[in-house]
Amino acid sequence: MKRAVRAIFRLAAAGLLLFGSLIFGLEFMGHRLHGDDISLWHCLFAAGLIVAGIILIAFSAKLAEKLTADFDE
């Protein structure tokens, strides 16, 4: 059960990393293609998502261990 919960946490973390990177990329490409100003708030939000994803990956094993109780191990 711990392996499944850890995989779900890592999948969610990968989604956070993906969306954070997507926001950064779209913000940068909007600046490069259209000459729009880069929004600091979008960049901070994207950085927060990326940091949250990295932290969730780092602590996924400990969180899975705390939240599950395997009786068969």
N, C-alpha and C. Protein backbone atom coordinates (compact mmCIF):
# COMPACT_ATOMS: atom_id res chain seq x y z
N MET A 1 0.82 -1.19 0.00
CA MET A 1 0.00 0.00 0.00
C MET A 1 0.86 1.26 0.00
N LYS A 2 2.01 1.17 0.69
CA LYS A 2 2.89 2.34 0.74
C LYS A 2 3.40 2.71 -0.65
N ARG A 3 3.67 1.69 -1.46
CA ARG A 3 4.17 1.95 -2.80
C ARG A 3 3.14 2.67 -3.65
N ALA A 4 1.89 2.30 -3.51
CA ALA A 4 0.82 2.96 -4.28
C ALA A 4 0.62 4.40 -3.84
N VAL A 5 0.64 4.64 -2.54
CA VAL A 5 0.47 6.00 -2.02
C VAL A 5 1.66 6.87 -2.43
N ARG A 6 2.87 6.30 -2.35
CA ARG A 6 4.06 7.04 -2.77
C ARG A 6 3.99 7.38 -4.26
N ALA A 7 3.49 6.46 -5.06
CA ALA A 7 3.35 6.71 -6.50
C ALA A 7 2.32 7.82 -6.76
N ILE A 8 1.25 7.85 -6.00
CA ILE A 8 0.24 8.91 -6.16
C ILE A 8 0.83 10.26 -5.79
N PHE A 9 1.61 10.30 -4.70
CA PHE A 9 2.27 11.55 -4.31
C PHE A 9 3.24 12.01 -5.39
N ARG A 10 4.00 11.09 -5.94
CA ARG A 10 4.96 11.46 -6.98
C ARG A 10 4.27 11.87 -8.27
N LEU A 11 3.14 11.28 -8.56
CA LEU A 11 2.37 11.69 -9.73
C LEU A 11 1.83 13.11 -9.55
N ALA A 12 1.34 13.41 -8.36
CA ALA A 12 0.87 14.77 -8.07
C ALA A 12 2.03 15.76 -8.13
N ALA A 13 3.20 15.37 -7.63
CA ALA A 13 4.37 16.24 -7.67
C ALA A 13 4.81 16.49 -9.11
N ALA A 14 4.73 15.47 -9.93
CA ALA A 14 5.08 15.65 -11.34
C ALA A 14 4.11 16.61 -12.02
N GLY A 15 2.84 16.56 -11.64
CA GLY A 15 1.87 17.50 -12.17
C GLY A 15 2.18 18.93 -11.76
N LEU A 16 2.58 19.11 -10.50
CA LEU A 16 2.96 20.45 -10.03
C LEU A 16 4.17 20.98 -10.80
N LEU A 17 5.15 20.11 -11.00
CA LEU A 17 6.33 20.51 -11.77
C LEU A 17 5.97 20.85 -13.21
N LEU A 18 5.11 20.06 -13.79
CA LEU A 18 4.69 20.28 -15.17
C LEU A 18 3.97 21.61 -15.32
N PHE A 19 3.00 21.89 -14.47
CA PHE A 19 2.24 23.13 -14.56
C PHE A 19 3.10 24.35 -14.24
N GLY A 20 4.01 24.23 -13.28
CA GLY A 20 4.91 25.32 -12.98
C GLY A 20 5.81 25.64 -14.16
N SER A 21 6.35 24.61 -14.77
CA SER A 21 7.21 24.82 -15.95
C SER A 21 6.41 25.37 -17.12
N LEU A 22 5.18 24.91 -17.27
CA LEU A 22 4.32 25.40 -18.35
C LEU A 22 4.01 26.88 -18.18
N ILE A 23 3.76 27.31 -16.96
CA ILE A 23 3.48 28.73 -16.71
C ILE A 23 4.71 29.57 -17.03
N PHE A 24 5.90 29.09 -16.58
CA PHE A 24 7.13 29.81 -16.91
C PHE A 24 7.32 29.90 -18.42
N GLY A 25 7.16 28.78 -19.09
CA GLY A 25 7.38 28.74 -20.53
C GLY A 25 6.42 29.63 -21.29
N LEU A 26 5.15 29.60 -20.93
CA LEU A 26 4.17 30.44 -21.62
C LEU A 26 4.41 31.92 -21.34
N GLU A 27 4.82 32.24 -20.14
CA GLU A 27 5.12 33.63 -19.80
C GLU A 27 6.31 34.13 -20.61
N PHE A 28 7.34 33.30 -20.71
CA PHE A 28 8.53 33.68 -21.46
C PHE A 28 8.22 33.79 -22.96
N MET A 29 7.47 32.85 -23.50
CA MET A 29 7.15 32.90 -24.93
C MET A 29 6.23 34.06 -25.27
N GLY A 30 5.33 34.43 -24.37
CA GLY A 30 4.51 35.62 -24.57
C GLY A 30 5.36 36.87 -24.63
N HIS A 31 6.41 36.88 -23.83
CA HIS A 31 7.34 38.01 -23.84
C HIS A 31 8.14 38.03 -25.14
N ARG A 32 8.62 36.87 -25.57
CA ARG A 32 9.46 36.81 -26.76
C ARG A 32 8.67 37.05 -28.04
N LEU A 33 7.45 36.52 -28.13
CA LEU A 33 6.69 36.61 -29.38
C LEU A 33 5.92 37.92 -29.51
N HIS A 34 5.32 38.36 -28.44
CA HIS A 34 4.43 39.52 -28.51
C HIS A 34 5.01 40.77 -27.85
N GLY A 35 6.12 40.64 -27.18
CA GLY A 35 6.71 41.78 -26.51
C GLY A 35 5.99 42.18 -25.24
N ASP A 36 5.17 41.29 -24.71
CA ASP A 36 4.47 41.59 -23.45
C ASP A 36 5.47 41.62 -22.30
N ASP A 37 5.10 42.35 -21.25
CA ASP A 37 5.93 42.36 -20.06
C ASP A 37 5.78 41.03 -19.32
N ILE A 38 6.86 40.62 -18.67
CA ILE A 38 6.82 39.39 -17.88
C ILE A 38 6.20 39.73 -16.53
N SER A 39 5.15 39.01 -16.16
CA SER A 39 4.46 39.24 -14.90
C SER A 39 5.21 38.57 -13.76
N LEU A 40 5.58 39.36 -12.78
CA LEU A 40 6.28 38.83 -11.62
C LEU A 40 5.40 37.85 -10.84
N TRP A 41 4.10 38.13 -10.77
CA TRP A 41 3.20 37.26 -10.01
C TRP A 41 3.07 35.89 -10.65
N HIS A 42 3.01 35.85 -11.97
CA HIS A 42 2.95 34.55 -12.65
C HIS A 42 4.23 33.76 -12.41
N CYS A 43 5.36 34.46 -12.44
CA CYS A 43 6.63 33.79 -12.21
C CYS A 43 6.76 33.29 -10.78
N LEU A 44 6.31 34.08 -9.82
CA LEU A 44 6.34 33.64 -8.42
C LEU A 44 5.41 32.45 -8.18
N PHE A 45 4.24 32.48 -8.81
CA PHE A 45 3.30 31.36 -8.68
C PHE A 45 3.90 30.10 -9.29
N ALA A 46 4.53 30.24 -10.45
CA ALA A 46 5.15 29.09 -11.11
C ALA A 46 6.31 28.56 -10.26
N ALA A 47 7.10 29.44 -9.70
CA ALA A 47 8.21 29.01 -8.84
C ALA A 47 7.69 28.29 -7.60
N GLY A 48 6.58 28.78 -7.05
CA GLY A 48 5.97 28.11 -5.90
C GLY A 48 5.50 26.70 -6.24
N LEU A 49 4.91 26.54 -7.42
CA LEU A 49 4.48 25.21 -7.85
C LEU A 49 5.67 24.26 -8.02
N ILE A 50 6.72 24.77 -8.61
CA ILE A 50 7.91 23.94 -8.83
C ILE A 50 8.54 23.55 -7.50
N VAL A 51 8.66 24.48 -6.58
CA VAL A 51 9.24 24.18 -5.27
C VAL A 51 8.34 23.19 -4.51
N ALA A 52 7.03 23.37 -4.59
CA ALA A 52 6.12 22.44 -3.93
C ALA A 52 6.25 21.03 -4.52
N GLY A 53 6.42 20.94 -5.82
CA GLY A 53 6.61 19.63 -6.46
C GLY A 53 7.90 18.97 -6.02
N ILE A 54 8.97 19.74 -5.92
CA ILE A 54 10.25 19.17 -5.49
C ILE A 54 10.17 18.71 -4.04
N ILE A 55 9.53 19.50 -3.19
CA ILE A 55 9.38 19.12 -1.79
C ILE A 55 8.50 17.87 -1.65
N LEU A 56 7.45 17.79 -2.45
CA LEU A 56 6.58 16.61 -2.39
C LEU A 56 7.30 15.36 -2.86
N ILE A 57 8.14 15.48 -3.87
CA ILE A 57 8.93 14.32 -4.29
C ILE A 57 9.90 13.91 -3.19
N ALA A 58 10.53 14.89 -2.57
CA ALA A 58 11.52 14.59 -1.54
C ALA A 58 10.91 13.90 -0.32
N PHE A 59 9.71 14.29 0.05
CA PHE A 59 9.09 13.75 1.25
C PHE A 59 7.99 12.74 0.97
N SER A 60 7.89 12.24 -0.25
CA SER A 60 6.80 11.32 -0.59
C SER A 60 6.93 9.99 0.17
N ALA A 61 8.13 9.50 0.35
CA ALA A 61 8.31 8.23 1.06
C ALA A 61 7.91 8.37 2.54
N LYS A 62 8.32 9.47 3.17
CA LYS A 62 7.98 9.67 4.58
C LYS A 62 6.47 9.90 4.75
N LEU A 63 5.86 10.64 3.83
CA LEU A 63 4.42 10.87 3.91
C LEU A 63 3.65 9.57 3.71
N ALA A 64 4.09 8.76 2.76
CA ALA A 64 3.42 7.48 2.52
C ALA A 64 3.55 6.57 3.73
N GLU A 65 4.69 6.61 4.38
CA GLU A 65 4.89 5.78 5.56
C GLU A 65 4.00 6.22 6.71
N LYS A 66 3.83 7.55 6.86
CA LYS A 66 2.98 8.06 7.93
C LYS A 66 1.50 7.80 7.68
N LEU A 67 1.08 7.88 6.42
CA LEU A 67 -0.34 7.80 6.11
C LEU A 67 -0.86 6.38 5.91
N THR A 68 0.03 5.42 5.77
CA THR A 68 -0.42 4.04 5.55
C THR A 68 0.10 3.14 6.65
N ALA A 69 -0.60 2.08 6.84
CA ALA A 69 -0.17 1.05 7.78
C ALA A 69 -0.26 -0.29 7.06
N ASP A 70 0.87 -0.80 6.62
CA ASP A 70 0.89 -2.09 5.93
C ASP A 70 0.94 -3.22 6.94
N PHE A 71 -0.03 -4.09 6.85
CA PHE A 71 -0.07 -5.22 7.76
C PHE A 71 0.64 -6.43 7.18
N ASP A 72 0.84 -6.43 5.86
CA ASP A 72 1.44 -7.59 5.23
C ASP A 72 2.95 -7.47 5.08
N GLU A 73 3.55 -6.39 5.53
CA GLU A 73 5.00 -6.27 5.44
C GLU A 73 5.65 -6.63 6.76
